């Protein structure tokens, strides 16, 4: 028993000596781990809080859209972009607000919202929608070259047909009927044959001479 006690004492002494030499490193490691855990938990809480607050503002914008009240949309739309730009709600609110601005006659304001989405949205689909709408606005304002440049980007297959159709509209407005016809042909090849929208593209294609 005495031998066992002596061995235990030696182990205890060794442990104490090791602790004296390494305690500061162990403590530092524990602190780092604790900070990482706290940081992850804090970030998740921050993201959840940000999303919740952004959701409230998005709902306010949505309600203003349904009420067709541009004045009530301005404050929440501005706040969500300024304070919660990294949330999924911000670009969606900007899309809604851009349409209200454009319909209300504030075309520069609408274009600024759409450009913000292109520059800041994390979802490619939202960026593509913003590009499409921005190019439409440029076409309406006869800014044809800018509209074509806006569409001149690789996009998801789901948007190729829409982009090609709008490119055809722009080229037709510029009097470039051969190029417009080629763009419509791409659109017809990419748009679902069952889509009613395709029939509209077909009419424009046929108006330029159709397949020859």
N, C-alpha and C. Protein backbone atom coordinates (compact mmCIF):
# COMPACT_ATOMS: atom_id res chain seq x y z
N UNK A 1 0.83 -1.20 0.00
CA UNK A 1 0.00 0.00 0.00
C UNK A 1 0.86 1.25 0.00
N UNK A 2 1.99 1.18 0.74
CA UNK A 2 2.89 2.32 0.84
C UNK A 2 3.51 2.61 -0.51
N UNK A 3 3.83 1.51 -1.28
CA UNK A 3 4.40 1.70 -2.61
C UNK A 3 3.40 2.39 -3.52
N UNK A 4 2.15 1.95 -3.42
CA UNK A 4 1.08 2.53 -4.23
C UNK A 4 0.91 4.01 -3.91
N UNK A 5 0.96 4.34 -2.60
CA UNK A 5 0.82 5.75 -2.19
C UNK A 5 1.98 6.57 -2.71
N UNK A 6 3.17 5.97 -2.71
CA UNK A 6 4.36 6.68 -3.17
C UNK A 6 4.26 6.95 -4.67
N UNK A 7 3.79 5.94 -5.42
CA UNK A 7 3.63 6.12 -6.86
C UNK A 7 2.59 7.20 -7.17
N UNK A 8 1.50 7.17 -6.41
CA UNK A 8 0.46 8.17 -6.60
C UNK A 8 0.98 9.56 -6.30
N UNK A 9 1.81 9.65 -5.25
CA UNK A 9 2.37 10.94 -4.86
C UNK A 9 3.31 11.46 -5.94
N UNK A 10 4.09 10.52 -6.51
CA UNK A 10 5.02 10.92 -7.56
C UNK A 10 4.26 11.44 -8.79
N UNK A 11 3.17 10.72 -9.11
CA UNK A 11 2.34 11.16 -10.24
C UNK A 11 1.73 12.53 -9.97
N UNK A 12 1.30 12.73 -8.75
CA UNK A 12 0.71 14.01 -8.37
C UNK A 12 1.73 15.13 -8.46
N UNK A 13 2.96 14.82 -7.98
CA UNK A 13 4.03 15.82 -8.05
C UNK A 13 4.37 16.15 -9.50
N UNK A 14 4.41 15.10 -10.33
CA UNK A 14 4.71 15.34 -11.75
C UNK A 14 3.62 16.19 -12.40
N UNK A 15 2.38 15.90 -12.03
CA UNK A 15 1.27 16.66 -12.58
C UNK A 15 1.33 18.13 -12.17
N UNK A 16 1.68 18.34 -10.88
CA UNK A 16 1.80 19.71 -10.40
C UNK A 16 2.91 20.45 -11.13
N UNK A 17 4.03 19.75 -11.33
CA UNK A 17 5.16 20.37 -12.02
C UNK A 17 4.79 20.71 -13.46
N UNK A 18 4.10 19.76 -14.11
CA UNK A 18 3.69 20.00 -15.50
C UNK A 18 2.72 21.17 -15.58
N UNK A 19 1.82 21.22 -14.61
CA UNK A 19 0.84 22.30 -14.59
C UNK A 19 1.50 23.66 -14.40
N UNK A 20 2.49 23.70 -13.54
CA UNK A 20 3.19 24.97 -13.31
C UNK A 20 3.88 25.45 -14.58
N UNK A 21 4.37 24.49 -15.37
CA UNK A 21 5.08 24.86 -16.59
C UNK A 21 4.13 25.19 -17.75
N UNK A 22 2.99 24.55 -17.76
CA UNK A 22 2.12 24.66 -18.92
C UNK A 22 0.75 25.28 -18.67
N UNK A 23 0.49 25.68 -17.45
CA UNK A 23 -0.85 26.16 -17.11
C UNK A 23 -1.28 27.35 -17.97
N UNK A 24 -0.33 28.25 -18.23
CA UNK A 24 -0.70 29.44 -18.99
C UNK A 24 -1.12 29.08 -20.42
N UNK A 25 -0.47 28.03 -20.98
CA UNK A 25 -0.83 27.62 -22.33
C UNK A 25 -2.18 26.92 -22.35
N UNK A 26 -2.40 26.07 -21.34
CA UNK A 26 -3.68 25.37 -21.24
C UNK A 26 -4.81 26.37 -21.05
N UNK A 27 -4.58 27.33 -20.16
CA UNK A 27 -5.60 28.34 -19.89
C UNK A 27 -5.91 29.14 -21.15
N UNK A 28 -4.85 29.47 -21.89
CA UNK A 28 -5.04 30.22 -23.12
C UNK A 28 -5.86 29.42 -24.13
N UNK A 29 -5.56 28.11 -24.22
CA UNK A 29 -6.29 27.25 -25.14
C UNK A 29 -7.76 27.16 -24.76
N UNK A 30 -8.01 27.04 -23.46
CA UNK A 30 -9.39 26.97 -22.97
C UNK A 30 -10.13 28.26 -23.31
N UNK A 31 -9.45 29.37 -23.13
CA UNK A 31 -10.05 30.67 -23.42
C UNK A 31 -10.38 30.78 -24.91
N UNK A 32 -9.44 30.33 -25.75
CA UNK A 32 -9.65 30.39 -27.19
C UNK A 32 -10.86 29.55 -27.59
N UNK A 33 -10.92 28.33 -27.07
CA UNK A 33 -12.06 27.45 -27.37
C UNK A 33 -13.36 28.09 -26.92
N UNK A 34 -13.33 28.65 -25.71
CA UNK A 34 -14.53 29.29 -25.17
C UNK A 34 -14.96 30.46 -26.04
N UNK A 35 -13.97 31.24 -26.48
CA UNK A 35 -14.28 32.39 -27.32
C UNK A 35 -14.87 31.95 -28.66
N UNK A 36 -14.33 30.86 -29.21
CA UNK A 36 -14.85 30.35 -30.47
C UNK A 36 -16.30 29.92 -30.31
N UNK A 37 -16.58 29.17 -29.24
CA UNK A 37 -17.94 28.71 -28.99
C UNK A 37 -18.88 29.89 -28.80
N UNK A 38 -18.44 30.83 -27.97
CA UNK A 38 -19.25 32.02 -27.72
C UNK A 38 -19.45 32.82 -29.00
N UNK A 39 -18.36 32.89 -29.80
CA UNK A 39 -18.44 33.64 -31.05
C UNK A 39 -19.43 33.04 -32.02
N UNK A 40 -19.40 31.71 -32.16
CA UNK A 40 -20.34 31.02 -33.05
C UNK A 40 -21.77 31.23 -32.58
N UNK A 41 -21.97 31.05 -31.27
CA UNK A 41 -23.31 31.25 -30.72
C UNK A 41 -23.77 32.69 -30.90
N UNK A 42 -22.84 33.61 -30.67
CA UNK A 42 -23.17 35.03 -30.82
C UNK A 42 -23.49 35.39 -32.26
N UNK A 43 -22.73 34.81 -33.21
CA UNK A 43 -22.97 35.09 -34.62
C UNK A 43 -24.33 34.55 -35.06
N UNK A 44 -24.65 33.34 -34.57
CA UNK A 44 -25.95 32.77 -34.91
C UNK A 44 -27.08 33.62 -34.34
N UNK A 45 -26.89 34.09 -33.12
CA UNK A 45 -27.90 34.96 -32.51
C UNK A 45 -28.02 36.25 -33.30
N UNK A 46 -26.87 36.80 -33.69
CA UNK A 46 -26.86 38.05 -34.46
C UNK A 46 -27.58 37.87 -35.80
N UNK A 47 -27.26 36.76 -36.49
CA UNK A 47 -27.91 36.51 -37.77
C UNK A 47 -29.42 36.33 -37.61
N UNK A 48 -29.81 35.60 -36.57
CA UNK A 48 -31.23 35.38 -36.33
C UNK A 48 -31.94 36.69 -36.03
N UNK A 49 -31.30 37.52 -35.21
CA UNK A 49 -31.88 38.81 -34.85
C UNK A 49 -31.98 39.72 -36.08
N UNK A 50 -30.91 39.71 -36.89
CA UNK A 50 -30.91 40.52 -38.11
C UNK A 50 -32.05 40.09 -39.04
N UNK A 51 -32.19 38.77 -39.20
CA UNK A 51 -33.23 38.25 -40.09
C UNK A 51 -34.62 38.60 -39.58
N UNK A 52 -34.81 38.52 -38.27
CA UNK A 52 -36.12 38.83 -37.70
C UNK A 52 -36.48 40.30 -37.92
N UNK A 53 -35.51 41.18 -37.68
CA UNK A 53 -35.77 42.61 -37.86
C UNK A 53 -35.97 42.94 -39.35
N UNK A 54 -35.18 42.29 -40.20
CA UNK A 54 -35.33 42.52 -41.64
C UNK A 54 -36.69 42.02 -42.13
N UNK A 55 -37.15 40.92 -41.55
CA UNK A 55 -38.45 40.36 -41.93
C UNK A 55 -39.58 41.35 -41.65
N UNK A 56 -39.49 42.02 -40.52
CA UNK A 56 -40.51 43.01 -40.16
C UNK A 56 -40.54 44.14 -41.19
N UNK A 57 -39.36 44.60 -41.58
CA UNK A 57 -39.28 45.69 -42.56
C UNK A 57 -39.77 45.22 -43.93
N UNK A 58 -39.43 43.99 -44.28
CA UNK A 58 -39.88 43.45 -45.57
C UNK A 58 -41.41 43.37 -45.61
N UNK A 59 -42.00 42.94 -44.52
CA UNK A 59 -43.46 42.88 -44.46
C UNK A 59 -44.08 44.26 -44.62
N UNK A 60 -43.41 45.27 -44.06
CA UNK A 60 -43.90 46.64 -44.19
C UNK A 60 -43.87 47.09 -45.64
N UNK A 61 -42.78 46.73 -46.35
CA UNK A 61 -42.69 47.07 -47.77
C UNK A 61 -43.77 46.34 -48.56
N UNK A 62 -43.97 45.07 -48.25
CA UNK A 62 -44.98 44.26 -48.94
C UNK A 62 -46.38 44.85 -48.75
N UNK A 63 -46.66 45.26 -47.53
CA UNK A 63 -47.97 45.86 -47.25
C UNK A 63 -48.15 47.16 -48.02
N UNK A 64 -47.08 47.94 -48.11
CA UNK A 64 -47.15 49.19 -48.86
C UNK A 64 -47.40 48.93 -50.34
N UNK A 65 -46.79 47.85 -50.85
CA UNK A 65 -47.00 47.48 -52.25
C UNK A 65 -48.46 47.10 -52.48
N UNK A 66 -49.00 46.27 -51.58
CA UNK A 66 -50.39 45.85 -51.73
C UNK A 66 -51.35 47.03 -51.64
N UNK A 67 -50.98 48.01 -50.82
CA UNK A 67 -51.81 49.21 -50.68
C UNK A 67 -51.50 50.25 -51.74
N UNK A 68 -50.47 49.96 -52.56
CA UNK A 68 -50.03 50.89 -53.60
C UNK A 68 -49.72 52.26 -53.00
N UNK A 69 -49.02 52.24 -51.86
CA UNK A 69 -48.69 53.47 -51.14
C UNK A 69 -47.17 53.63 -51.12
N UNK A 70 -46.67 54.37 -52.09
CA UNK A 70 -45.23 54.56 -52.23
C UNK A 70 -44.62 55.24 -51.02
N UNK A 71 -45.33 56.18 -50.42
CA UNK A 71 -44.80 56.93 -49.28
C UNK A 71 -44.53 56.02 -48.09
N UNK A 72 -45.38 55.00 -47.91
CA UNK A 72 -45.19 54.09 -46.78
C UNK A 72 -44.10 53.05 -47.04
N UNK A 73 -43.73 52.89 -48.29
CA UNK A 73 -42.69 51.91 -48.63
C UNK A 73 -41.29 52.49 -48.46
N UNK A 74 -41.16 53.80 -48.55
CA UNK A 74 -39.84 54.42 -48.57
C UNK A 74 -39.01 54.12 -47.33
N UNK A 75 -39.56 54.36 -46.15
CA UNK A 75 -38.77 54.21 -44.92
C UNK A 75 -38.32 52.77 -44.69
N UNK A 76 -39.23 51.77 -44.70
CA UNK A 76 -38.77 50.41 -44.47
C UNK A 76 -37.84 49.91 -45.58
N UNK A 77 -38.08 50.33 -46.81
CA UNK A 77 -37.21 49.90 -47.92
C UNK A 77 -35.81 50.47 -47.76
N UNK A 78 -35.73 51.70 -47.30
CA UNK A 78 -34.43 52.33 -47.08
C UNK A 78 -33.71 51.70 -45.89
N UNK A 79 -34.44 51.46 -44.82
CA UNK A 79 -33.84 50.87 -43.62
C UNK A 79 -33.31 49.47 -43.86
N UNK A 80 -34.07 48.66 -44.57
CA UNK A 80 -33.66 47.27 -44.76
C UNK A 80 -32.38 47.18 -45.60
N UNK A 81 -32.21 48.09 -46.54
CA UNK A 81 -31.00 48.12 -47.36
C UNK A 81 -29.83 48.68 -46.57
N UNK A 82 -30.08 49.69 -45.77
CA UNK A 82 -29.01 50.33 -45.00
C UNK A 82 -28.54 49.47 -43.83
N UNK A 83 -29.48 48.81 -43.14
CA UNK A 83 -29.15 48.12 -41.90
C UNK A 83 -29.02 46.60 -42.04
N UNK A 84 -29.70 46.04 -43.02
CA UNK A 84 -29.74 44.57 -43.11
C UNK A 84 -29.43 44.10 -44.53
N UNK A 85 -28.42 44.72 -45.13
CA UNK A 85 -28.09 44.43 -46.52
C UNK A 85 -27.70 42.98 -46.76
N UNK A 86 -27.18 42.31 -45.74
CA UNK A 86 -26.69 40.94 -45.93
C UNK A 86 -27.78 39.89 -45.76
N UNK A 87 -28.97 40.30 -45.41
CA UNK A 87 -30.06 39.34 -45.26
C UNK A 87 -30.72 39.07 -46.61
N UNK A 88 -31.45 37.95 -46.68
CA UNK A 88 -32.14 37.60 -47.91
C UNK A 88 -33.31 38.53 -48.20
N UNK A 89 -33.77 39.23 -47.16
CA UNK A 89 -34.93 40.11 -47.32
C UNK A 89 -34.59 41.40 -48.06
N UNK A 90 -33.36 41.88 -47.91
CA UNK A 90 -32.99 43.18 -48.46
C UNK A 90 -33.16 43.26 -49.99
N UNK A 91 -32.57 42.35 -50.76
CA UNK A 91 -32.75 42.46 -52.21
C UNK A 91 -34.18 42.25 -52.66
N UNK A 92 -34.92 41.43 -51.93
CA UNK A 92 -36.32 41.21 -52.28
C UNK A 92 -37.15 42.48 -52.05
N UNK A 93 -36.86 43.14 -50.94
CA UNK A 93 -37.54 44.41 -50.67
C UNK A 93 -37.16 45.45 -51.72
N UNK A 94 -35.89 45.43 -52.12
CA UNK A 94 -35.43 46.38 -53.13
C UNK A 94 -36.13 46.15 -54.47
N UNK A 95 -36.38 44.89 -54.81
CA UNK A 95 -37.11 44.59 -56.05
C UNK A 95 -38.52 45.17 -56.02
N UNK A 96 -39.19 44.96 -54.89
CA UNK A 96 -40.55 45.49 -54.75
C UNK A 96 -40.55 47.02 -54.82
N UNK A 97 -39.61 47.60 -54.11
CA UNK A 97 -39.55 49.06 -54.05
C UNK A 97 -39.18 49.65 -55.42
N UNK A 98 -38.30 48.97 -56.14
CA UNK A 98 -37.90 49.44 -57.47
C UNK A 98 -39.10 49.51 -58.40
N UNK A 99 -39.94 48.50 -58.36
CA UNK A 99 -41.14 48.51 -59.21
C UNK A 99 -42.07 49.66 -58.84
N UNK A 100 -42.24 49.88 -57.53
CA UNK A 100 -43.10 50.98 -57.10
C UNK A 100 -42.55 52.32 -57.56
N UNK A 101 -41.24 52.48 -57.44
CA UNK A 101 -40.61 53.73 -57.86
C UNK A 101 -40.79 53.94 -59.36
N UNK A 102 -40.57 52.89 -60.13
CA UNK A 102 -40.67 53.01 -61.59
C UNK A 102 -42.10 53.32 -62.01
N UNK A 103 -43.03 52.60 -61.43
CA UNK A 103 -44.45 52.84 -61.75
C UNK A 103 -44.89 54.24 -61.31
N UNK A 104 -44.21 54.75 -60.27
CA UNK A 104 -44.54 56.08 -59.77
C UNK A 104 -43.83 57.20 -60.50
N UNK A 105 -43.01 56.84 -61.49
CA UNK A 105 -42.33 57.85 -62.29
C UNK A 105 -40.91 58.17 -61.88
N UNK A 106 -40.44 57.57 -60.78
CA UNK A 106 -39.07 57.82 -60.32
C UNK A 106 -38.14 56.78 -60.94
N UNK A 107 -37.83 56.96 -62.21
CA UNK A 107 -37.02 55.98 -62.93
C UNK A 107 -35.58 55.92 -62.43
N UNK A 108 -34.94 57.07 -62.13
CA UNK A 108 -33.58 57.00 -61.57
C UNK A 108 -33.55 56.25 -60.24
N UNK A 109 -34.56 56.49 -59.41
CA UNK A 109 -34.62 55.81 -58.12
C UNK A 109 -34.79 54.31 -58.30
N UNK A 110 -35.63 53.92 -59.24
CA UNK A 110 -35.85 52.50 -59.51
C UNK A 110 -34.57 51.84 -60.01
N UNK A 111 -33.87 52.52 -60.90
CA UNK A 111 -32.63 51.97 -61.43
C UNK A 111 -31.57 51.85 -60.35
N UNK A 112 -31.55 52.78 -59.43
CA UNK A 112 -30.59 52.71 -58.32
C UNK A 112 -30.85 51.48 -57.45
N UNK A 113 -32.12 51.19 -57.20
CA UNK A 113 -32.47 50.00 -56.42
C UNK A 113 -32.05 48.73 -57.14
N UNK A 114 -32.30 48.67 -58.43
CA UNK A 114 -31.94 47.48 -59.21
C UNK A 114 -30.43 47.31 -59.27
N UNK A 115 -29.71 48.40 -59.41
CA UNK A 115 -28.25 48.32 -59.45
C UNK A 115 -27.71 47.86 -58.10
N UNK A 116 -28.34 48.29 -57.03
CA UNK A 116 -27.92 47.84 -55.69
C UNK A 116 -28.06 46.33 -55.57
N UNK A 117 -29.14 45.79 -56.09
CA UNK A 117 -29.35 44.33 -56.05
C UNK A 117 -28.25 43.62 -56.83
N UNK A 118 -27.94 44.13 -58.01
CA UNK A 118 -26.89 43.53 -58.84
C UNK A 118 -25.56 43.54 -58.10
N UNK A 119 -25.29 44.62 -57.39
CA UNK A 119 -24.00 44.77 -56.70
C UNK A 119 -23.92 44.02 -55.38
N UNK A 120 -25.05 43.81 -54.71
CA UNK A 120 -25.01 43.30 -53.34
C UNK A 120 -25.71 41.97 -53.09
N UNK A 121 -26.65 41.59 -53.91
CA UNK A 121 -27.39 40.34 -53.65
C UNK A 121 -26.45 39.13 -53.74
N UNK A 122 -26.68 38.16 -52.89
CA UNK A 122 -25.85 36.94 -52.90
C UNK A 122 -26.45 35.85 -53.79
N UNK A 123 -27.71 35.99 -54.16
CA UNK A 123 -28.39 34.98 -54.97
C UNK A 123 -28.36 35.38 -56.45
N UNK A 124 -27.81 34.49 -57.27
CA UNK A 124 -27.68 34.78 -58.70
C UNK A 124 -29.04 35.01 -59.36
N UNK A 125 -30.06 34.31 -58.90
CA UNK A 125 -31.39 34.47 -59.49
C UNK A 125 -31.91 35.89 -59.31
N UNK A 126 -31.70 36.44 -58.12
CA UNK A 126 -32.15 37.81 -57.86
C UNK A 126 -31.36 38.81 -58.69
N UNK A 127 -30.07 38.56 -58.85
CA UNK A 127 -29.24 39.44 -59.67
C UNK A 127 -29.73 39.41 -61.12
N UNK A 128 -30.08 38.22 -61.60
CA UNK A 128 -30.56 38.09 -62.98
C UNK A 128 -31.88 38.84 -63.17
N UNK A 129 -32.77 38.72 -62.21
CA UNK A 129 -34.05 39.43 -62.29
C UNK A 129 -33.81 40.94 -62.31
N UNK A 130 -32.90 41.39 -61.45
CA UNK A 130 -32.59 42.82 -61.39
C UNK A 130 -31.98 43.30 -62.71
N UNK A 131 -31.10 42.51 -63.29
CA UNK A 131 -30.51 42.87 -64.58
C UNK A 131 -31.58 42.96 -65.67
N UNK A 132 -32.48 42.00 -65.67
CA UNK A 132 -33.55 41.98 -66.67
C UNK A 132 -34.41 43.24 -66.56
N UNK A 133 -34.79 43.58 -65.33
CA UNK A 133 -35.65 44.75 -65.13
C UNK A 133 -34.90 46.05 -65.42
N UNK A 134 -33.62 46.07 -65.07
CA UNK A 134 -32.83 47.27 -65.35
C UNK A 134 -32.69 47.48 -66.86
N UNK A 135 -32.45 46.40 -67.58
CA UNK A 135 -32.35 46.50 -69.04
C UNK A 135 -33.68 46.93 -69.66
N UNK A 136 -34.78 46.45 -69.10
CA UNK A 136 -36.11 46.88 -69.56
C UNK A 136 -36.28 48.39 -69.38
N UNK A 137 -35.85 48.87 -68.22
CA UNK A 137 -35.96 50.31 -67.94
C UNK A 137 -35.11 51.11 -68.91
N UNK A 138 -33.92 50.62 -69.20
CA UNK A 138 -33.02 51.30 -70.14
C UNK A 138 -33.61 51.30 -71.54
N UNK A 139 -34.26 50.20 -71.92
CA UNK A 139 -34.93 50.14 -73.22
C UNK A 139 -36.03 51.18 -73.30
N UNK A 140 -36.82 51.29 -72.25
CA UNK A 140 -37.91 52.27 -72.23
C UNK A 140 -37.38 53.69 -72.36
N UNK A 141 -36.17 53.91 -71.85
CA UNK A 141 -35.57 55.24 -71.90
C UNK A 141 -34.66 55.41 -73.12
N UNK A 142 -34.70 54.42 -74.03
CA UNK A 142 -33.94 54.45 -75.28
C UNK A 142 -32.42 54.47 -75.05
N UNK A 143 -32.00 53.92 -73.95
CA UNK A 143 -30.57 53.78 -73.67
C UNK A 143 -30.14 52.37 -74.11
N UNK A 144 -30.15 52.20 -75.40
CA UNK A 144 -30.00 50.87 -75.98
C UNK A 144 -28.65 50.21 -75.69
N UNK A 145 -27.58 50.96 -75.86
CA UNK A 145 -26.25 50.38 -75.63
C UNK A 145 -26.08 49.93 -74.18
N UNK A 146 -26.55 50.77 -73.26
CA UNK A 146 -26.45 50.41 -71.84
C UNK A 146 -27.30 49.18 -71.53
N UNK A 147 -28.45 49.09 -72.17
CA UNK A 147 -29.33 47.94 -71.96
C UNK A 147 -28.66 46.66 -72.43
N UNK A 148 -28.03 46.71 -73.60
CA UNK A 148 -27.34 45.53 -74.12
C UNK A 148 -26.17 45.13 -73.22
N UNK A 149 -25.44 46.11 -72.72
CA UNK A 149 -24.33 45.81 -71.81
C UNK A 149 -24.82 45.16 -70.53
N UNK A 150 -25.96 45.61 -70.05
CA UNK A 150 -26.53 45.05 -68.82
C UNK A 150 -26.86 43.58 -68.99
N UNK A 151 -27.29 43.21 -70.18
CA UNK A 151 -27.66 41.81 -70.46
C UNK A 151 -26.47 40.96 -70.88
N UNK A 152 -25.35 41.60 -71.15
CA UNK A 152 -24.17 40.89 -71.66
C UNK A 152 -23.41 40.21 -70.53
N UNK A 153 -23.99 39.17 -69.98
CA UNK A 153 -23.38 38.43 -68.89
C UNK A 153 -23.90 37.00 -68.90
N UNK A 154 -23.05 36.08 -68.52
CA UNK A 154 -23.48 34.67 -68.46
C UNK A 154 -24.50 34.52 -67.34
N UNK A 155 -25.59 33.85 -67.65
CA UNK A 155 -26.64 33.69 -66.66
C UNK A 155 -27.13 32.26 -66.62
N UNK A 156 -27.94 31.96 -65.63
CA UNK A 156 -28.50 30.62 -65.48
C UNK A 156 -29.38 30.27 -66.68
N UNK A 157 -29.46 28.98 -66.99
CA UNK A 157 -30.25 28.53 -68.15
C UNK A 157 -31.70 29.03 -68.10
N UNK A 158 -32.23 29.15 -66.90
CA UNK A 158 -33.62 29.57 -66.75
C UNK A 158 -33.86 30.98 -67.28
N UNK A 159 -32.78 31.78 -67.38
CA UNK A 159 -32.93 33.18 -67.81
C UNK A 159 -32.43 33.43 -69.22
N UNK A 160 -31.81 32.43 -69.85
CA UNK A 160 -31.25 32.65 -71.18
C UNK A 160 -32.32 33.08 -72.18
N UNK A 161 -33.46 32.40 -72.15
CA UNK A 161 -34.54 32.75 -73.08
C UNK A 161 -35.08 34.15 -72.86
N UNK A 162 -35.26 34.51 -71.60
CA UNK A 162 -35.78 35.85 -71.28
C UNK A 162 -34.79 36.93 -71.70
N UNK A 163 -33.51 36.70 -71.40
CA UNK A 163 -32.48 37.67 -71.78
C UNK A 163 -32.41 37.82 -73.29
N UNK A 164 -32.49 36.69 -74.00
CA UNK A 164 -32.41 36.73 -75.46
C UNK A 164 -33.61 37.48 -76.06
N UNK A 165 -34.78 37.25 -75.50
CA UNK A 165 -35.98 37.94 -75.98
C UNK A 165 -35.86 39.45 -75.79
N UNK A 166 -35.40 39.86 -74.63
CA UNK A 166 -35.25 41.29 -74.37
C UNK A 166 -34.15 41.88 -75.24
N UNK A 167 -33.09 41.11 -75.45
CA UNK A 167 -32.03 41.57 -76.35
C UNK A 167 -32.60 41.78 -77.76
N UNK A 168 -33.49 40.90 -78.17
CA UNK A 168 -34.14 41.06 -79.46
C UNK A 168 -34.96 42.34 -79.52
N UNK A 169 -35.68 42.64 -78.45
CA UNK A 169 -36.47 43.88 -78.40
C UNK A 169 -35.58 45.11 -78.55
N UNK A 170 -34.44 45.07 -77.86
CA UNK A 170 -33.51 46.21 -77.90
C UNK A 170 -32.94 46.38 -79.30
N UNK A 171 -32.50 45.28 -79.89
CA UNK A 171 -31.93 45.34 -81.24
C UNK A 171 -32.96 45.77 -82.27
N UNK A 172 -34.20 45.32 -82.10
CA UNK A 172 -35.27 45.73 -83.02
C UNK A 172 -35.52 47.23 -82.90
N UNK A 173 -35.48 47.74 -81.67
CA UNK A 173 -35.67 49.17 -81.46
C UNK A 173 -34.54 49.98 -82.08
N UNK A 174 -33.36 49.36 -82.20
CA UNK A 174 -32.21 50.03 -82.81
C UNK A 174 -32.22 49.89 -84.33
N UNK A 175 -33.21 49.16 -84.84
CA UNK A 175 -33.29 48.95 -86.28
C UNK A 175 -32.40 47.83 -86.79
N UNK A 176 -31.84 47.05 -85.89
CA UNK A 176 -30.97 45.93 -86.26
C UNK A 176 -31.80 44.65 -86.33
N UNK A 177 -32.61 44.56 -87.37
CA UNK A 177 -33.59 43.49 -87.45
C UNK A 177 -32.97 42.10 -87.61
N UNK A 178 -31.88 42.00 -88.34
CA UNK A 178 -31.24 40.70 -88.52
C UNK A 178 -30.74 40.16 -87.18
N UNK A 179 -30.08 41.03 -86.41
CA UNK A 179 -29.58 40.63 -85.10
C UNK A 179 -30.74 40.36 -84.13
N UNK A 180 -31.78 41.16 -84.25
CA UNK A 180 -32.95 40.97 -83.38
C UNK A 180 -33.59 39.62 -83.66
N UNK A 181 -33.69 39.29 -84.93
CA UNK A 181 -34.28 38.00 -85.31
C UNK A 181 -33.46 36.84 -84.75
N UNK A 182 -32.15 36.97 -84.80
CA UNK A 182 -31.27 35.92 -84.25
C UNK A 182 -31.47 35.77 -82.75
N UNK A 183 -31.66 36.89 -82.07
CA UNK A 183 -31.88 36.86 -80.62
C UNK A 183 -33.21 36.19 -80.30
N UNK A 184 -34.25 36.52 -81.08
CA UNK A 184 -35.55 35.89 -80.86
C UNK A 184 -35.48 34.38 -81.11
N UNK A 185 -34.66 34.00 -82.07
CA UNK A 185 -34.53 32.58 -82.39
C UNK A 185 -33.92 31.82 -81.20
N UNK A 186 -32.94 32.45 -80.55
CA UNK A 186 -32.36 31.85 -79.35
C UNK A 186 -33.41 31.75 -78.25
N UNK A 187 -34.19 32.80 -78.11
CA UNK A 187 -35.24 32.80 -77.09
C UNK A 187 -36.24 31.68 -77.33
N UNK A 188 -36.62 31.49 -78.57
CA UNK A 188 -37.58 30.43 -78.91
C UNK A 188 -37.02 29.05 -78.60
N UNK A 189 -35.71 28.91 -78.77
CA UNK A 189 -35.07 27.61 -78.51
C UNK A 189 -34.96 27.32 -77.02
N UNK A 190 -34.93 28.37 -76.21
CA UNK A 190 -34.70 28.21 -74.77
C UNK A 190 -35.98 28.25 -73.94
N UNK A 191 -36.99 28.93 -74.40
CA UNK A 191 -38.23 29.06 -73.62
C UNK A 191 -39.07 27.80 -73.78
N UNK A 192 -39.66 27.36 -72.72
CA UNK A 192 -40.51 26.16 -72.71
C UNK A 192 -41.59 26.27 -73.79
N UNK A 193 -41.69 25.27 -74.68
CA UNK A 193 -42.71 25.31 -75.74
C UNK A 193 -44.13 25.45 -75.22
N UNK A 194 -44.36 25.02 -73.99
CA UNK A 194 -45.70 25.09 -73.41
C UNK A 194 -46.00 26.45 -72.77
N UNK A 195 -44.98 27.29 -72.68
CA UNK A 195 -45.17 28.59 -72.04
C UNK A 195 -45.93 29.55 -72.96
N UNK A 196 -46.97 30.21 -72.44
CA UNK A 196 -47.69 31.21 -73.24
C UNK A 196 -46.78 32.34 -73.70
N UNK A 197 -45.73 32.59 -72.92
CA UNK A 197 -44.79 33.66 -73.25
C UNK A 197 -44.08 33.38 -74.57
N UNK A 198 -43.86 32.10 -74.85
CA UNK A 198 -43.15 31.73 -76.08
C UNK A 198 -43.94 32.15 -77.32
N UNK A 199 -45.26 32.06 -77.25
CA UNK A 199 -46.10 32.46 -78.39
C UNK A 199 -45.91 33.94 -78.71
N UNK A 200 -45.72 34.75 -77.68
CA UNK A 200 -45.50 36.18 -77.87
C UNK A 200 -44.17 36.42 -78.58
N UNK A 201 -43.15 35.65 -78.19
CA UNK A 201 -41.84 35.77 -78.85
C UNK A 201 -41.95 35.33 -80.31
N UNK A 202 -42.74 34.29 -80.54
CA UNK A 202 -42.92 33.78 -81.91
C UNK A 202 -43.52 34.86 -82.82
N UNK A 203 -44.46 35.62 -82.29
CA UNK A 203 -45.08 36.70 -83.06
C UNK A 203 -44.03 37.72 -83.48
N UNK A 204 -43.15 38.07 -82.57
CA UNK A 204 -42.11 39.06 -82.88
C UNK A 204 -41.12 38.49 -83.89
N UNK A 205 -40.79 37.23 -83.72
CA UNK A 205 -39.88 36.56 -84.66
C UNK A 205 -40.48 36.53 -86.07
N UNK A 206 -41.75 36.16 -86.15
CA UNK A 206 -42.43 36.09 -87.45
C UNK A 206 -42.55 37.47 -88.10
N UNK A 207 -42.71 38.49 -87.28
CA UNK A 207 -42.84 39.86 -87.80
C UNK A 207 -41.57 40.32 -88.51
N UNK A 208 -40.45 39.69 -88.17
CA UNK A 208 -39.17 40.04 -88.79
C UNK A 208 -38.83 39.09 -89.94
N UNK A 209 -39.79 38.30 -90.34
CA UNK A 209 -39.57 37.42 -91.48
C UNK A 209 -39.59 35.95 -91.16
N UNK A 210 -39.51 35.64 -89.86
CA UNK A 210 -39.56 34.24 -89.46
C UNK A 210 -38.41 33.43 -90.01
N UNK A 211 -38.56 32.11 -89.97
CA UNK A 211 -37.52 31.21 -90.47
C UNK A 211 -37.52 31.24 -91.99
N UNK A 212 -36.34 31.37 -92.56
CA UNK A 212 -36.22 31.41 -94.02
C UNK A 212 -35.23 30.34 -94.49
